Protein backbone atom coordinates (compact mmCIF):
# COMPACT_ATOMS: atom_id res chain seq x y z
CA UNK A 1 7.96 32.80 2.23
CA UNK A 2 7.93 32.07 5.96
CA UNK A 3 5.15 29.99 7.42
CA UNK A 4 3.94 30.15 10.99
CA UNK A 5 4.27 26.99 13.00
CA UNK A 6 0.61 26.27 13.45
CA UNK A 7 -2.51 25.79 11.43
CA UNK A 8 -5.65 27.66 10.55
CA UNK A 9 -6.27 29.29 13.94
CA UNK A 10 -9.76 28.13 14.71
CA UNK A 11 -9.55 24.57 13.40
CA UNK A 12 -8.66 22.84 16.66
CA UNK A 13 -11.44 24.53 18.62
CA UNK A 14 -13.94 23.83 15.89
CA UNK A 15 -12.92 20.18 15.88
CA UNK A 16 -13.53 20.02 19.62
CA UNK A 17 -16.87 21.82 19.28
CA UNK A 18 -17.92 19.44 16.54
CA UNK A 19 -17.00 16.42 18.63
CA UNK A 20 -19.20 17.82 21.39
CA UNK A 21 -22.11 18.82 19.17
CA UNK A 22 -22.27 15.75 16.95
CA UNK A 23 -23.41 12.65 18.73
CA UNK A 24 -21.19 9.62 18.84
CA UNK A 25 -24.00 7.73 17.15
CA UNK A 26 -24.01 10.05 14.12
CA UNK A 27 -20.26 9.81 13.71
CA UNK A 28 -20.35 6.06 14.08
CA UNK A 29 -23.19 5.82 11.60
CA UNK A 30 -21.25 7.89 9.06
CA UNK A 31 -18.16 5.70 9.43
CA UNK A 32 -20.27 2.55 9.16
CA UNK A 33 -22.08 3.90 6.09
CA UNK A 34 -18.74 4.76 4.52
CA UNK A 35 -17.48 1.24 5.22
CA UNK A 36 -20.53 -0.31 3.57
CA UNK A 37 -20.06 1.90 0.54
CA UNK A 38 -16.40 0.86 0.33
CA UNK A 39 -17.37 -2.81 0.20
CA UNK A 40 -19.55 -2.41 -2.89
CA UNK A 41 -17.13 -4.17 -5.32
CA UNK A 42 -17.22 -7.33 -3.19
CA UNK A 43 -21.02 -7.11 -2.95
CA UNK A 44 -21.26 -6.50 -6.70
CA UNK A 45 -18.97 -9.45 -7.35
CA UNK A 46 -20.99 -11.56 -4.92
CA UNK A 47 -17.75 -12.59 -3.21
CA UNK A 48 -14.59 -10.89 -1.87
CA UNK A 49 -12.11 -10.07 -4.61
CA UNK A 50 -9.04 -12.29 -4.81
CA UNK A 51 -5.58 -12.27 -6.32
CA UNK A 52 -3.32 -15.34 -6.57
CA UNK A 53 -1.34 -14.08 -3.56
CA UNK A 54 -4.60 -14.05 -1.56
CA UNK A 55 -4.54 -17.84 -1.46
CA UNK A 56 -1.12 -17.75 0.19
CA UNK A 57 -2.20 -15.19 2.79
CA UNK A 58 -5.28 -17.24 3.63
CA UNK A 59 -3.34 -20.49 3.86
CA UNK A 60 -0.23 -19.45 5.78
CA UNK A 61 -1.92 -18.07 8.87
CA UNK A 62 -2.55 -21.42 10.56
CA UNK A 63 1.04 -22.61 10.12
CA UNK A 64 2.46 -19.42 11.59
CA UNK A 65 -0.10 -19.32 14.42
CA UNK A 66 0.67 -22.93 15.30
CA UNK A 67 4.39 -22.08 15.48
CA UNK A 68 3.92 -18.85 17.47
CA UNK A 69 1.26 -19.93 19.94
CA UNK A 70 1.72 -23.71 20.16
CA UNK A 71 5.49 -23.82 19.47
CA UNK A 72 4.96 -26.41 16.76
CA UNK A 73 7.48 -25.34 14.14
CA UNK A 74 7.30 -26.27 10.46
CA UNK A 75 9.89 -26.47 7.72
CA UNK A 76 7.99 -24.00 5.54
CA UNK A 77 5.59 -21.16 6.36
CA UNK A 78 5.16 -19.41 3.04
CA UNK A 79 6.74 -16.37 1.42
CA UNK A 80 4.29 -13.56 2.14
CA UNK A 81 3.80 -11.32 5.17
CA UNK A 82 3.17 -13.51 8.19
CA UNK A 83 1.75 -10.58 10.13
CA UNK A 84 -1.01 -10.02 7.58
CA UNK A 85 -1.75 -13.75 7.51
CA UNK A 86 -1.92 -13.79 11.32
CA UNK A 87 -4.02 -10.63 11.42
CA UNK A 88 -6.71 -11.96 9.12
CA UNK A 89 -6.75 -15.52 10.52
CA UNK A 90 -9.25 -14.75 13.34
CA UNK A 91 -11.47 -13.14 10.73
CA UNK A 92 -11.75 -16.10 8.38
CA UNK A 93 -10.55 -19.28 10.18
CA UNK A 94 -10.51 -20.87 6.71
CA UNK A 95 -14.30 -20.65 6.67
CA UNK A 96 -15.28 -17.37 4.98
CA UNK A 97 -13.47 -14.32 3.63
CA UNK A 98 -16.26 -11.78 4.13
CA UNK A 99 -15.17 -10.55 7.60
CA UNK A 100 -11.78 -9.57 6.14
CA UNK A 101 -13.44 -7.24 3.64
CA UNK A 102 -15.65 -5.61 6.24
CA UNK A 103 -12.76 -5.21 8.69
CA UNK A 104 -10.61 -3.56 6.00
CA UNK A 105 -13.57 -1.35 5.08
CA UNK A 106 -14.02 -0.22 8.69
CA UNK A 107 -10.31 0.54 9.09
CA UNK A 108 -10.25 2.53 5.85
CA UNK A 109 -13.46 4.37 6.68
CA UNK A 110 -12.19 5.26 10.16
CA UNK A 111 -8.80 6.60 8.99
CA UNK A 112 -10.36 8.63 6.17
CA UNK A 113 -12.90 10.05 8.64
CA UNK A 114 -10.07 11.29 10.86
CA UNK A 115 -8.32 12.87 7.87
CA UNK A 116 -11.48 14.66 6.72
CA UNK A 117 -12.25 15.86 10.23
CA UNK A 118 -8.74 17.27 10.60
CA UNK A 119 -9.19 19.38 7.46
CA UNK A 120 -12.91 20.13 7.36
CA UNK A 121 -14.17 20.38 10.94
CA UNK A 122 -17.42 22.04 9.88
CA UNK A 123 -20.02 19.74 8.30
CA UNK A 124 -17.55 16.87 8.51
CA UNK A 125 -20.16 14.16 7.96
CA UNK A 126 -21.40 15.77 4.74
CA UNK A 127 -17.92 16.30 3.31
CA UNK A 128 -16.83 12.82 4.39
CA UNK A 129 -19.72 11.13 2.61
CA UNK A 130 -19.16 13.23 -0.51
CA UNK A 131 -15.48 12.26 -0.53
CA UNK A 132 -16.15 8.55 -0.01
CA UNK A 133 -18.86 8.50 -2.67
CA UNK A 134 -16.60 10.15 -5.26
CA UNK A 135 -13.66 7.88 -4.46
CA UNK A 136 -15.96 4.86 -4.66
CA UNK A 137 -17.18 5.82 -8.11
CA UNK A 138 -13.94 7.10 -9.63
CA UNK A 139 -11.01 5.20 -8.13
CA UNK A 140 -9.64 1.81 -7.13
CA UNK A 141 -9.92 2.49 -3.38
CA UNK A 142 -13.00 0.34 -2.83
CA UNK A 143 -11.63 -2.43 -5.01
CA UNK A 144 -8.57 -2.78 -2.81
CA UNK A 145 -10.73 -2.59 0.30
CA UNK A 146 -12.69 -5.54 -1.15
CA UNK A 147 -9.52 -7.47 -2.03
CA UNK A 148 -8.10 -10.02 0.39
CA UNK A 149 -4.59 -8.59 0.24
CA UNK A 150 -2.59 -6.15 2.40
CA UNK A 151 -2.47 -3.57 -0.42
CA UNK A 152 -5.02 -1.22 1.14
CA UNK A 153 -2.94 -1.04 4.33
CA UNK A 154 -0.18 0.90 2.56
CA UNK A 155 -2.32 3.99 1.88
CA UNK A 156 -3.76 3.72 5.39
CA UNK A 157 -0.21 3.77 6.76
CA UNK A 158 0.64 6.95 4.84
CA UNK A 159 -2.57 8.67 5.98
CA UNK A 160 -1.82 7.63 9.57
CA UNK A 161 1.62 9.26 9.26
CA UNK A 162 -0.06 12.45 8.03
CA UNK A 163 -2.43 12.41 11.01
CA UNK A 164 0.28 11.70 13.59
CA UNK A 165 2.65 14.37 12.25
CA UNK A 166 0.54 17.15 10.73
CA UNK A 167 -2.84 16.79 12.47
CA UNK A 168 -1.89 15.46 15.88
CA UNK A 169 -3.76 18.21 17.73
CA UNK A 170 -7.06 17.14 16.14
CA UNK A 171 -6.77 13.63 17.62
CA UNK A 172 -7.78 12.52 21.06
CA UNK A 173 -5.40 10.36 23.03
CA UNK A 174 -7.53 7.29 22.28
CA UNK A 175 -7.46 8.07 18.55
CA UNK A 176 -3.69 8.46 18.55
CA UNK A 177 -3.34 5.15 20.36
CA UNK A 178 -5.66 3.54 17.80
CA UNK A 179 -3.64 4.82 14.85
CA UNK A 180 -0.38 3.35 16.15
CA UNK A 181 -1.34 -0.34 15.70
CA UNK A 182 -3.00 0.46 12.36
CA UNK A 183 0.24 2.04 11.14
CA UNK A 184 2.31 -0.81 12.57
CA UNK A 185 0.16 -3.45 10.88
CA UNK A 186 0.38 -1.54 7.62
CA UNK A 187 4.18 -1.57 7.79
CA UNK A 188 4.62 -5.26 8.67
CA UNK A 189 2.05 -6.38 6.11
CA UNK A 190 4.22 -5.77 3.04
CA UNK A 191 7.91 -5.22 2.38
CA UNK A 192 7.28 -2.17 0.20
CA UNK A 193 5.29 -0.53 3.02
CA UNK A 194 8.34 -0.77 5.29
CA UNK A 195 10.54 0.83 2.62
CA UNK A 196 8.06 3.62 1.92
CA UNK A 197 7.34 4.23 5.60
CA UNK A 198 11.05 4.54 6.35
CA UNK A 199 11.55 6.74 3.29
CA UNK A 200 8.73 9.05 4.37
CA UNK A 201 10.35 9.39 7.81
CA UNK A 202 13.63 10.34 6.15
CA UNK A 203 11.85 12.94 4.01
CA UNK A 204 10.17 14.45 7.07
CA UNK A 205 13.50 14.61 8.92
CA UNK A 206 15.06 16.39 5.95
CA UNK A 207 12.22 18.92 5.99
CA UNK A 208 12.88 19.47 9.69
CA UNK A 209 16.59 19.94 9.07
CA UNK A 210 15.90 22.49 6.33
CA UNK A 211 13.88 24.29 9.04
CA UNK A 212 10.69 25.05 7.16
CA UNK A 213 8.55 27.12 9.49
CA UNK A 214 5.55 24.86 9.01
CA UNK A 215 7.64 21.89 10.21
CA UNK A 216 8.87 23.62 13.37
CA UNK A 217 7.89 21.82 16.55
CA UNK A 218 7.25 18.48 14.83
CA UNK A 219 10.44 16.69 15.88
CA UNK A 220 8.61 14.73 18.55
CA UNK A 221 5.81 13.65 16.21
CA UNK A 222 8.26 12.56 13.50
CA UNK A 223 10.34 10.72 16.10
CA UNK A 224 7.28 8.81 17.27
CA UNK A 225 6.43 7.79 13.72
CA UNK A 226 10.03 6.69 13.23
CA UNK A 227 9.71 4.56 16.38
CA UNK A 228 6.66 2.85 14.90
CA UNK A 229 8.64 2.05 11.74
CA UNK A 230 11.58 0.83 13.82
CA UNK A 231 9.35 -1.34 16.01
CA UNK A 232 7.77 -2.83 12.89
CA UNK A 233 11.21 -3.72 11.51
CA UNK A 234 12.21 -5.26 14.86
CA UNK A 235 8.96 -7.24 14.87
CA UNK A 236 9.81 -8.68 11.46
CA UNK A 237 13.35 -9.55 12.55
CA UNK A 238 12.13 -11.21 15.75
CA UNK A 239 9.41 -13.30 14.12
CA UNK A 240 11.68 -14.53 11.34
CA UNK A 241 14.42 -15.27 13.85
CA UNK A 242 11.97 -17.40 15.83
CA UNK A 243 10.62 -19.23 12.78
CA UNK A 244 13.86 -19.70 10.84
CA UNK A 245 16.57 -19.44 13.47
CA UNK A 246 18.06 -16.23 12.06
CA UNK A 247 16.74 -12.63 11.87
CA UNK A 248 15.47 -11.37 8.54
CA UNK A 249 13.20 -8.61 7.29
CA UNK A 250 11.76 -10.68 4.45
CA UNK A 251 12.01 -14.34 5.43
CA UNK A 252 12.13 -16.79 2.55
CA UNK A 253 11.01 -14.33 -0.10
CA UNK A 254 11.48 -15.02 -3.83
CA UNK A 255 14.53 -13.46 -5.54
CA UNK A 256 12.73 -10.42 -6.94
CA UNK A 257 15.90 -8.42 -7.58
CA UNK A 258 17.48 -11.31 -9.47
CA UNK A 259 14.40 -11.63 -11.66
CA UNK A 260 14.39 -7.85 -12.23
CA UNK A 261 17.96 -7.48 -13.47
CA UNK A 262 17.62 -10.54 -15.70
CA UNK A 263 14.47 -9.06 -17.23
CA UNK A 264 16.24 -5.72 -17.67
CA UNK A 265 18.84 -7.44 -19.80
CA UNK A 266 21.86 -6.41 -17.72
CA UNK A 267 21.76 -9.60 -15.67
CA UNK A 268 21.55 -11.69 -18.82
CA UNK A 269 24.52 -9.81 -20.32
CA UNK A 270 26.55 -10.50 -17.19
CA UNK A 271 25.78 -14.22 -17.28
CA UNK A 272 26.59 -14.46 -20.98
CA UNK A 273 29.95 -12.81 -20.35
CA UNK A 274 30.95 -14.54 -17.11
CA UNK A 275 29.41 -18.03 -17.12
CA UNK A 276 30.61 -20.61 -16.26
CA UNK A 277 33.44 -18.87 -14.34
CA UNK A 278 30.90 -17.06 -12.15
CA UNK A 279 29.55 -20.42 -10.94
CA UNK A 280 26.06 -19.09 -10.31
CA UNK A 281 23.24 -21.63 -10.42
CA UNK A 282 21.72 -19.41 -13.12
CA UNK A 283 24.53 -20.49 -15.45
CA UNK A 284 23.03 -23.98 -15.53
CA UNK A 285 19.81 -22.52 -16.94
CA UNK A 286 21.18 -19.76 -19.16
CA UNK A 287 19.19 -20.76 -22.23
CA UNK A 288 15.93 -20.98 -20.26
CA UNK A 289 15.90 -17.55 -18.59
CA UNK A 290 12.85 -15.47 -19.61
CA UNK A 291 13.00 -11.70 -20.00
CA UNK A 292 9.94 -11.24 -17.83
CA UNK A 293 10.28 -11.26 -14.02
CA UNK A 294 6.75 -12.61 -13.61
CA UNK A 295 7.53 -15.58 -15.86
CA UNK A 296 10.89 -16.16 -14.14
CA UNK A 297 9.19 -16.38 -10.73
CA UNK A 298 5.74 -17.79 -11.38
CA UNK A 299 5.55 -18.98 -14.98
CA UNK A 300 4.57 -22.53 -15.81
CA UNK A 301 8.14 -23.16 -16.96
CA UNK A 302 9.74 -20.48 -14.78
CA UNK A 303 12.98 -21.32 -13.02
CA UNK A 304 11.83 -20.34 -9.53
CA UNK A 305 8.44 -22.05 -9.69
CA UNK A 306 9.97 -25.34 -10.84
CA UNK A 307 13.16 -25.35 -8.77
CA UNK A 308 13.78 -27.93 -6.05
CA UNK A 309 14.60 -26.92 -2.48
CA UNK A 310 18.35 -26.99 -3.02
CA UNK A 311 18.09 -24.74 -6.09
CA UNK A 312 15.78 -22.22 -4.42
CA UNK A 313 18.19 -22.01 -1.48
CA UNK A 314 21.10 -21.34 -3.82
CA UNK A 315 19.10 -18.75 -5.77
CA UNK A 316 18.39 -16.84 -2.55
CA UNK A 317 21.99 -17.04 -1.43
CA UNK A 318 23.33 -15.92 -4.79
CA UNK A 319 20.80 -13.15 -5.41
CA UNK A 320 22.69 -10.21 -3.89
CA UNK A 321 26.17 -11.25 -5.13
CA UNK A 322 24.71 -11.64 -8.63
CA UNK A 323 22.82 -8.32 -8.52
CA UNK A 324 25.83 -6.40 -7.17
CA UNK A 325 28.13 -7.94 -9.75
CA UNK A 326 25.70 -6.92 -12.49
CA UNK A 327 25.49 -3.35 -11.17
CA UNK A 328 29.28 -3.06 -11.09
CA UNK A 329 29.54 -4.36 -14.65
CA UNK A 330 26.76 -2.24 -16.22
CA UNK A 331 25.91 0.71 -13.91
CA UNK A 332 24.82 3.09 -16.67
CA UNK A 333 22.69 0.56 -18.51
CA UNK A 334 20.98 -0.56 -15.31
CA UNK A 335 20.28 3.02 -14.24
CA UNK A 336 18.74 3.77 -17.63
CA UNK A 337 16.56 0.67 -17.49
CA UNK A 338 15.51 1.32 -13.90
CA UNK A 339 14.46 4.88 -14.75
CA UNK A 340 12.46 3.52 -17.68
CA UNK A 341 10.74 0.99 -15.38
CA UNK A 342 10.01 3.76 -12.87
CA UNK A 343 8.42 5.96 -15.53
CA UNK A 344 6.34 3.10 -16.86
CA UNK A 345 5.17 2.05 -13.41
CA UNK A 346 4.17 5.63 -12.63
CA UNK A 347 1.80 5.64 -15.62
CA UNK A 348 0.00 2.29 -15.37
CA UNK A 349 -2.66 1.67 -12.74
CA UNK A 350 -5.43 -0.37 -14.29
CA UNK A 351 -7.91 -2.80 -12.71
CA UNK A 352 -6.67 -5.87 -14.57
CA UNK A 353 -5.49 -7.67 -11.43
CA UNK A 354 -9.14 -8.37 -10.61
CA UNK A 355 -9.46 -10.84 -13.46
CA UNK A 356 -10.04 -14.61 -13.11
CA UNK A 357 -7.33 -17.17 -12.40
CA UNK A 358 -7.49 -20.89 -13.08
CA UNK A 359 -4.82 -21.46 -10.44
CA UNK A 360 -6.95 -19.73 -7.80
CA UNK A 361 -9.93 -21.87 -8.74
CA UNK A 362 -7.87 -25.02 -8.31
CA UNK A 363 -6.28 -23.93 -5.01
CA UNK A 364 -9.40 -22.41 -3.48
CA UNK A 365 -10.51 -25.63 -1.84
CA UNK A 366 -7.32 -25.70 0.25
CA UNK A 367 -8.03 -22.40 2.04
CA UNK A 368 -11.80 -21.82 2.02
CA UNK A 369 -13.25 -25.20 0.99
CA UNK A 370 -16.84 -24.39 1.95
CA UNK A 371 -16.96 -21.30 -0.25
CA UNK A 372 -15.41 -22.50 -3.50
CA UNK A 373 -18.81 -22.73 -5.18
CA UNK A 374 -19.67 -19.18 -4.09
CA UNK A 375 -16.38 -17.90 -5.50
CA UNK A 376 -17.00 -19.68 -8.82
CA UNK A 377 -20.44 -18.06 -9.04
CA UNK A 378 -18.97 -14.58 -8.64
CA UNK A 379 -18.35 -12.16 -11.48
CA UNK A 380 -14.57 -12.29 -11.04
CA UNK A 381 -14.39 -16.05 -11.60
CA UNK A 382 -16.65 -15.65 -14.65
CA UNK A 383 -14.52 -12.79 -16.03
CA UNK A 384 -17.58 -10.57 -15.92
CA UNK A 385 -16.26 -7.50 -14.07
CA UNK A 386 -16.22 -4.19 -16.02
CA UNK A 387 -12.46 -3.76 -15.60
CA UNK A 388 -11.85 -1.81 -18.82
CA UNK A 389 -14.55 0.70 -17.91
CA UNK A 390 -13.25 1.37 -14.39
CA UNK A 391 -9.67 1.53 -15.65
CA UNK A 392 -10.72 4.27 -18.05
CA UNK A 393 -12.66 6.09 -15.31
CA UNK A 394 -9.70 6.03 -12.94
CA UNK A 395 -7.27 7.16 -15.66
CA UNK A 396 -9.38 10.24 -16.34
CA UNK A 397 -9.93 10.84 -12.62
CA UNK A 398 -6.17 10.92 -12.04
CA UNK A 399 -5.58 13.29 -14.96
CA UNK A 400 -8.30 15.69 -13.80
CA UNK A 401 -7.06 15.41 -10.21
CA UNK A 402 -3.53 16.39 -11.22
CA UNK A 403 -4.94 19.51 -12.89
CA UNK A 404 -6.95 20.36 -9.76
CA UNK A 405 -3.90 19.88 -7.52
CA UNK A 406 -1.79 22.07 -9.80
CA UNK A 407 -4.42 24.82 -9.68
CA UNK A 408 -5.04 24.74 -5.93
CA UNK A 409 -1.61 24.12 -4.44
CA UNK A 410 -0.42 27.75 -4.91
CA UNK A 411 -3.45 28.89 -2.91
CA UNK A 412 -2.72 26.34 -0.19
CA UNK A 413 0.91 27.43 0.03
CA UNK A 414 0.13 31.15 0.02
CA UNK A 415 -2.67 30.87 2.60
CA UNK A 416 -0.42 28.81 4.89
CA UNK A 417 -2.78 25.86 5.21
CA UNK A 418 -0.25 23.65 6.92
CA UNK A 419 -2.31 20.48 7.14
CA UNK A 420 -3.16 20.54 3.46
CA UNK A 421 0.51 21.11 2.65
CA UNK A 422 1.40 18.17 4.87
CA UNK A 423 -1.20 15.93 3.27
CA UNK A 424 0.06 16.92 -0.17
CA UNK A 425 3.66 16.12 0.75
CA UNK A 426 2.73 12.72 2.17
CA UNK A 427 0.52 11.70 -0.76
CA UNK A 428 2.61 12.95 -3.67
CA UNK A 429 5.89 11.63 -2.25
CA UNK A 430 4.51 8.17 -1.50
CA UNK A 431 2.74 7.78 -4.85
CA UNK A 432 5.97 8.67 -6.66
CA UNK A 433 8.14 6.58 -4.32
CA UNK A 434 5.83 3.59 -4.69
CA UNK A 435 6.42 3.59 -8.45
CA UNK A 436 10.16 3.97 -7.90
CA UNK A 437 10.40 1.11 -5.40
CA UNK A 438 8.12 -1.38 -7.13
CA UNK A 439 9.14 -0.57 -10.69
CA UNK A 440 12.88 -0.80 -10.06
CA UNK A 441 13.03 -3.52 -7.40
CA UNK A 442 10.18 -5.83 -8.36
CA UNK A 443 8.16 -5.68 -11.56
CA UNK A 444 6.09 -3.21 -13.56
CA UNK A 445 2.47 -4.13 -12.92
CA UNK A 446 -0.87 -2.32 -12.84
CA UNK A 447 -1.69 -3.57 -9.36
CA UNK A 448 1.40 -2.12 -7.74
CA UNK A 449 0.55 1.48 -8.63
CA UNK A 450 -3.22 1.16 -8.67
CA UNK A 451 -3.21 0.38 -4.97
CA UNK A 452 -1.90 3.88 -4.12
CA UNK A 453 -2.88 6.09 -7.07
CA UNK A 454 -6.36 6.68 -5.63
CA UNK A 455 -4.66 8.98 -3.12
CA UNK A 456 -4.21 11.53 -5.93
CA UNK A 457 -7.99 11.98 -6.46
CA UNK A 458 -8.32 11.85 -2.67
CA UNK A 459 -6.03 14.89 -2.38
CA UNK A 460 -7.74 16.72 -5.25
CA UNK A 461 -11.22 16.23 -3.79
CA UNK A 462 -10.08 17.41 -0.36
CA UNK A 463 -8.53 20.55 -1.89
CA UNK A 464 -11.74 21.25 -3.80
CA UNK A 465 -13.90 20.72 -0.70
CA UNK A 466 -11.70 23.06 1.33
CA UNK A 467 -12.02 25.72 -1.38
CA UNK A 468 -15.80 25.22 -1.42
CA UNK A 469 -15.90 25.55 2.36
CA UNK A 470 -14.06 28.88 2.21
CA UNK A 471 -16.51 30.13 -0.43
CA UNK A 472 -19.43 29.07 1.74
CA UNK A 473 -18.03 31.11 4.64
CA UNK A 474 -17.66 34.13 2.38
CA UNK A 475 -13.85 34.18 2.62
CA UNK A 476 -11.59 34.84 -0.35
CA UNK A 477 -10.79 31.62 -2.22
CA UNK A 478 -7.85 32.51 -4.41
CA UNK A 479 -6.70 29.76 -6.75
CA UNK A 480 -3.60 31.27 -8.29
């Protein structure tokens, strides 16, 4: 079936009319109300939610800022995203973490508002508040908004790409200019965001090459998104070159791929067959290697966590030669294991990352010393958050949402609702790709998929609201 280039014919004019008829105050109030609603897990916890990596992000900002702005270099800056650490530094200054939560809530609320307005220009405020309320009750969205981590910025990046490519005509120039730094910050804040952002650009280019009618005329928009991704990659290379003396996309990151292939068994087989001739540093610790990437990297007796500087340097240097040698030796076995990891990662998205951590309690004083007592009084530190309940709720929400998407997508395709098709492509492809990237290149963990899976209920609710809107206007609302 051939699709026309454009969208539902009256949507752009209705968006403009709405912007004129609704006061700026009402729109701002709706976005602010949505942001407050998104921060409810932190308010319920009585403190922003934390993950062990949060301590690193909070602590590294000053070292990097001192190097960038005062030219006082250090030997070590950390292993996480320096851009996220720098971005949140003015918000906390090692005093309080609350401004980070509210800033993330405002960003999320603003981007979601623009998405809803692009699809439902009539009664946007009502539909927006319904959507935010349902997502707040049923999904992990608000929990990641309330978490001091860059995880929420990934979904915001993907929604920004949807807006810049498929809903560009609904945005003012100022809004487009606002989305660019949000997308850029989302990309530079986590390595997986860069991979997924680049992958989404490749997918969009392929759709353009195939010459789908509903992609016609979007070369410029896709090119601009690709430039944002490219500029983000260049930013990473430049910052790491300044800090370390050589360009790098990841800096001094841990050897995730090494830990992955060892845990998969193929890496261990290779070492057993080729040590000591291979002369990898891993051969000196062959009997100590755990079959769990998390234990290998961060365990109390893990090799990486207990290695000296010389050993960690060798592990980084030997990571890719070791991984490539393993792939050449056992390509079929590694492919089978990677597909298994991908399938498992696609299915697990619980809330268990929000549990307590003794290590965080001990390290808290080094990043936010004045608030350690407040953190310890929170529900997270006391292991008193209803994580099992919300995991069950989200599991059912995703299942029901998949049914709704399956039912409504034929209607969307047949009625040529280009923006909804575009949103569906962006969300489904990134949720699947996220599981593929994290499950095969890092580790299988609830947090890694839970941070994006809320986009599935997001899509389902939007499809249902669009159907309801057509019914309210008295238009046919075919679902099959």
